[in-house]
C-alpha atoms as a PDB file:
ATOM      1  CA  MET A   1     -15.145 -21.568  19.846  1.00  0.00           C
ATOM      2  CA  LYS A   2     -17.955 -19.116  20.571  1.00  0.00           C
ATOM      3  CA  ILE A   3     -16.904 -15.752  21.992  1.00  0.00           C
ATOM      4  CA  GLU A   4     -19.691 -13.646  23.485  1.00  0.00           C
ATOM      5  CA  ILE A   5     -19.302  -9.874  23.444  1.00  0.00           C
ATOM      6  CA  ILE A   6     -20.460  -7.947  26.502  1.00  0.00           C
ATOM      7  CA  PRO A   7     -21.518  -4.496  25.192  1.00  0.00           C
ATOM      8  CA  ASN A   8     -20.320  -2.604  28.292  1.00  0.00           C
ATOM      9  CA  GLY A   9     -17.562  -5.101  29.088  1.00  0.00           C
ATOM     10  CA  THR A  10     -13.835  -4.498  29.364  1.00  0.00           C
ATOM     11  CA  TRP A  11     -11.805  -4.243  26.166  1.00  0.00           C
ATOM     12  CA  TYR A  12      -8.061  -5.051  26.133  1.00  0.00           C
ATOM     13  CA  HIS A  13      -5.036  -4.299  23.990  1.00  0.00           C
ATOM     14  CA  GLY A  14      -1.636  -5.941  24.334  1.00  0.00           C
ATOM     15  CA  SER A  15       1.563  -4.297  23.135  1.00  0.00           C
ATOM     16  CA  ASN A  16       5.309  -4.367  23.662  1.00  0.00           C
ATOM     17  CA  GLU A  17       5.290  -0.541  23.877  1.00  0.00           C
ATOM     18  CA  LYS A  18       4.101   2.051  26.394  1.00  0.00           C
ATOM     19  CA  PHE A  19       1.675   4.785  25.308  1.00  0.00           C
ATOM     20  CA  MET A  20      -1.334   6.811  26.491  1.00  0.00           C
ATOM     21  CA  GLU A  21      -3.546   6.573  23.401  1.00  0.00           C
ATOM     22  CA  LEU A  22      -4.246   3.636  21.111  1.00  0.00           C
ATOM     23  CA  ARG A  23      -3.984   4.431  17.417  1.00  0.00           C
ATOM     24  CA  GLU A  24      -6.798   4.081  14.907  1.00  0.00           C
ATOM     25  CA  ALA A  25      -6.824   0.616  13.247  1.00  0.00           C
ATOM     26  CA  SER A  26      -5.395  -1.075  16.357  1.00  0.00           C
ATOM     27  CA  THR A  27      -6.647  -4.476  17.459  1.00  0.00           C
ATOM     28  CA  ILE A  28      -8.657  -4.864  20.671  1.00  0.00           C
ATOM     29  CA  THR A  29     -10.459  -7.798  22.281  1.00  0.00           C
ATOM     30  CA  GLN A  30     -12.570  -8.684  25.291  1.00  0.00           C
ATOM     31  CA  TRP A  31     -10.495 -11.856  25.710  1.00  0.00           C
ATOM     32  CA  LYS A  32      -7.871 -10.706  28.215  1.00  0.00           C
ATOM     33  CA  GLU A  33      -5.542 -13.687  27.722  1.00  0.00           C
ATOM     34  CA  LEU A  34      -5.511 -13.124  23.962  1.00  0.00           C
ATOM     35  CA  ALA A  35      -4.428  -9.500  24.440  1.00  0.00           C
ATOM     36  CA  GLU A  36      -1.748 -10.683  26.887  1.00  0.00           C
ATOM     37  CA  ALA A  37      -0.470 -13.169  24.313  1.00  0.00           C
ATOM     38  CA  PHE A  38      -0.370 -10.531  21.567  1.00  0.00           C
ATOM     39  CA  SER A  39       1.575  -8.202  23.868  1.00  0.00           C
ATOM     40  CA  HIS A  40       4.537 -10.557  23.464  1.00  0.00           C
ATOM     41  CA  GLN A  41       4.527  -9.991  19.662  1.00  0.00           C
ATOM     42  CA  PRO A  42       4.247 -13.622  18.516  1.00  0.00           C
ATOM     43  CA  THR A  43       4.759 -14.652  14.909  1.00  0.00           C
ATOM     44  CA  LYS A  44       2.619 -17.738  15.613  1.00  0.00           C
ATOM     45  CA  LEU A  45      -0.425 -17.905  17.854  1.00  0.00           C
ATOM     46  CA  GLY A  46      -3.183 -20.466  18.221  1.00  0.00           C
ATOM     47  CA  TYR A  47      -5.851 -21.521  20.677  1.00  0.00           C
ATOM     48  CA  ASP A  48      -8.049 -24.533  21.264  1.00  0.00           C
ATOM     49  CA  ASP A  49     -11.719 -25.026  22.162  1.00  0.00           C
ATOM     50  CA  ASN A  50     -10.806 -24.859  25.859  1.00  0.00           C
ATOM     51  CA  ASP A  51      -9.475 -21.279  25.534  1.00  0.00           C
ATOM     52  CA  MET A  52      -5.856 -22.437  25.898  1.00  0.00           C
ATOM     53  CA  ILE A  53      -3.554 -20.113  23.946  1.00  0.00           C
ATOM     54  CA  ASP A  54      -0.175 -21.146  22.583  1.00  0.00           C
ATOM     55  CA  HIS A  55       2.278 -18.659  21.038  1.00  0.00           C
ATOM     56  CA  ASN A  56       5.950 -18.074  20.388  1.00  0.00           C
ATOM     57  CA  GLY A  57       6.163 -14.407  21.473  1.00  0.00           C
ATOM     58  CA  LYS A  58       9.228 -13.348  23.450  1.00  0.00           C
ATOM     59  CA  GLU A  59       8.864  -9.556  23.820  1.00  0.00           C
ATOM     60  CA  LYS A  60       8.090  -7.906  27.154  1.00  0.00           C
ATOM     61  CA  GLY A  61       4.368  -7.261  27.158  1.00  0.00           C
ATOM     62  CA  TYR A  62       2.179  -4.419  28.403  1.00  0.00           C
ATOM     63  CA  LEU A  63      -1.541  -4.953  28.912  1.00  0.00           C
ATOM     64  CA  TYR A  64      -3.988  -2.078  28.525  1.00  0.00           C
ATOM     65  CA  ILE A  65      -7.700  -1.586  28.967  1.00  0.00           C
ATOM     66  CA  ILE A  66      -9.694   0.854  26.876  1.00  0.00           C
ATOM     67  CA  ASP A  67     -10.365   3.755  29.226  1.00  0.00           C
ATOM     68  CA  GLU A  68     -13.445   5.292  27.645  1.00  0.00           C
ATOM     69  CA  PRO A  69     -16.863   4.095  26.491  1.00  0.00           C
ATOM     70  CA  ILE A  70     -16.880   2.475  23.057  1.00  0.00           C
ATOM     71  CA  GLU A  71     -19.638   1.274  20.772  1.00  0.00           C
ATOM     72  CA  ILE A  72     -19.446  -1.558  18.243  1.00  0.00           C
ATOM     73  CA  GLY A  73     -20.038  -0.168  14.764  1.00  0.00           C
ATOM     74  CA  LYS A  74     -19.302   3.414  15.774  1.00  0.00           C
ATOM     75  CA  ASP A  75     -15.873   3.149  17.446  1.00  0.00           C
ATOM     76  CA  ILE A  76     -14.803  -0.419  16.622  1.00  0.00           C
ATOM     77  CA  TYR A  77     -15.639  -3.131  14.087  1.00  0.00           C
ATOM     78  CA  GLN A  78     -14.965  -6.820  13.520  1.00  0.00           C
ATOM     79  CA  HIS A  79     -11.492  -7.444  12.103  1.00  0.00           C
ATOM     80  CA  PRO A  80     -12.289  -8.181   8.431  1.00  0.00           C
ATOM     81  CA  ARG A  81      -9.245 -10.415   7.783  1.00  0.00           C
ATOM     82  CA  THR A  82      -8.993 -12.294  11.059  1.00  0.00           C
ATOM     83  CA  THR A  83      -8.041 -15.952  11.088  1.00  0.00           C
ATOM     84  CA  MET A  84      -9.682 -16.320  14.506  1.00  0.00           C
ATOM     85  CA  ASP A  85     -13.247 -16.972  15.561  1.00  0.00           C
ATOM     86  CA  ILE A  86     -15.876 -14.272  15.258  1.00  0.00           C
ATOM     87  CA  ASN A  87     -15.720 -11.712  18.091  1.00  0.00           C
ATOM     88  CA  ALA A  88     -12.101 -12.591  18.940  1.00  0.00           C
ATOM     89  CA  GLU A  89     -10.644  -9.355  17.606  1.00  0.00           C
ATOM     90  CA  PHE A  90     -11.902  -5.943  16.598  1.00  0.00           C
ATOM     91  CA  LEU A  91     -10.240  -2.915  14.994  1.00  0.00           C
ATOM     92  CA  THR A  92     -10.525   0.637  16.250  1.00  0.00           C
ATOM     93  CA  LYS A  93     -12.037   3.335  14.033  1.00  0.00           C
ATOM     94  CA  ARG A  94     -10.431   6.182  15.949  1.00  0.00           C
ATOM     95  CA  PRO A  95      -7.753   6.781  18.583  1.00  0.00           C
ATOM     96  CA  LEU A  96      -8.850   5.536  22.023  1.00  0.00           C
ATOM     97  CA  LYS A  97      -7.718   6.392  25.536  1.00  0.00           C
ATOM     98  CA  VAL A  98      -6.054   3.484  27.319  1.00  0.00           C
ATOM     99  CA  LYS A  99      -4.966   2.651  30.840  1.00  0.00           C
ATOM    100  CA  LEU A 100      -1.924   0.484  31.490  1.00  0.00           C
ATOM    101  CA  ILE A 101      -2.898  -2.357  33.840  1.00  0.00           C
ATOM    102  CA  VAL A 102       0.082  -4.757  33.582  1.00  0.00           C
ATOM    103  CA  GLU A 103       3.755  -3.934  33.059  1.00  0.00           C
ATOM    104  CA  PRO A 104       6.345  -6.633  32.281  1.00  0.00           C
ATOM    105  CA  ALA A 105       7.913  -6.437  35.751  1.00  0.00           C
ATOM    106  CA  THR A 106       4.544  -7.130  37.376  1.00  0.00           C
ATOM    107  CA  HIS A 107       3.833 -10.336  35.470  1.00  0.00           C
ATOM    108  CA  ILE A 108       3.690 -13.388  37.675  1.00  0.00           C
ATOM    109  CA  ALA A 109       4.867 -16.546  35.929  1.00  0.00           C
ATOM    110  CA  ILE A 110       2.006 -19.008  35.574  1.00  0.00           C
ATOM    111  CA  SER A 111       1.944 -22.090  33.443  1.00  0.00           C
ATOM    112  CA  CYS A 112      -0.768 -22.013  30.812  1.00  0.00           C
ATOM    113  CA  SER A 113      -0.720 -24.514  27.951  1.00  0.00           C
ATOM    114  CA  ASN A 114       2.835 -24.725  26.628  1.00  0.00           C
ATOM    115  CA  TYR A 115       4.154 -21.326  27.676  1.00  0.00           C
ATOM    116  CA  ILE A 116       4.939 -19.258  30.728  1.00  0.00           C
ATOM    117  CA  TRP A 117       3.581 -15.726  31.323  1.00  0.00           C
END
């Protein structure tokens, strides 16, 4: 699967915790649904060529956006040990400001692949 990066696009982070600042070496992505899936802390996660994600995560998930300008190479870099396609996940080089955009209570259940959000 080819994932295009939009230089000034939105970057996401999914977590099962609430916070105001993302730590250095955290994973971020421009693929919103991938961040949502990771927010549920799965031990197994996969996706197909149609962008359908399947995972076994059961934690309550929070979805964040990065709330400051970032630059590839300066602030973030490709995850060097990813098992996913190129551009799927990046690591932060420094702490980043975040904004919470989805809390567990605000999730609407929608069927997507073999799981429910």
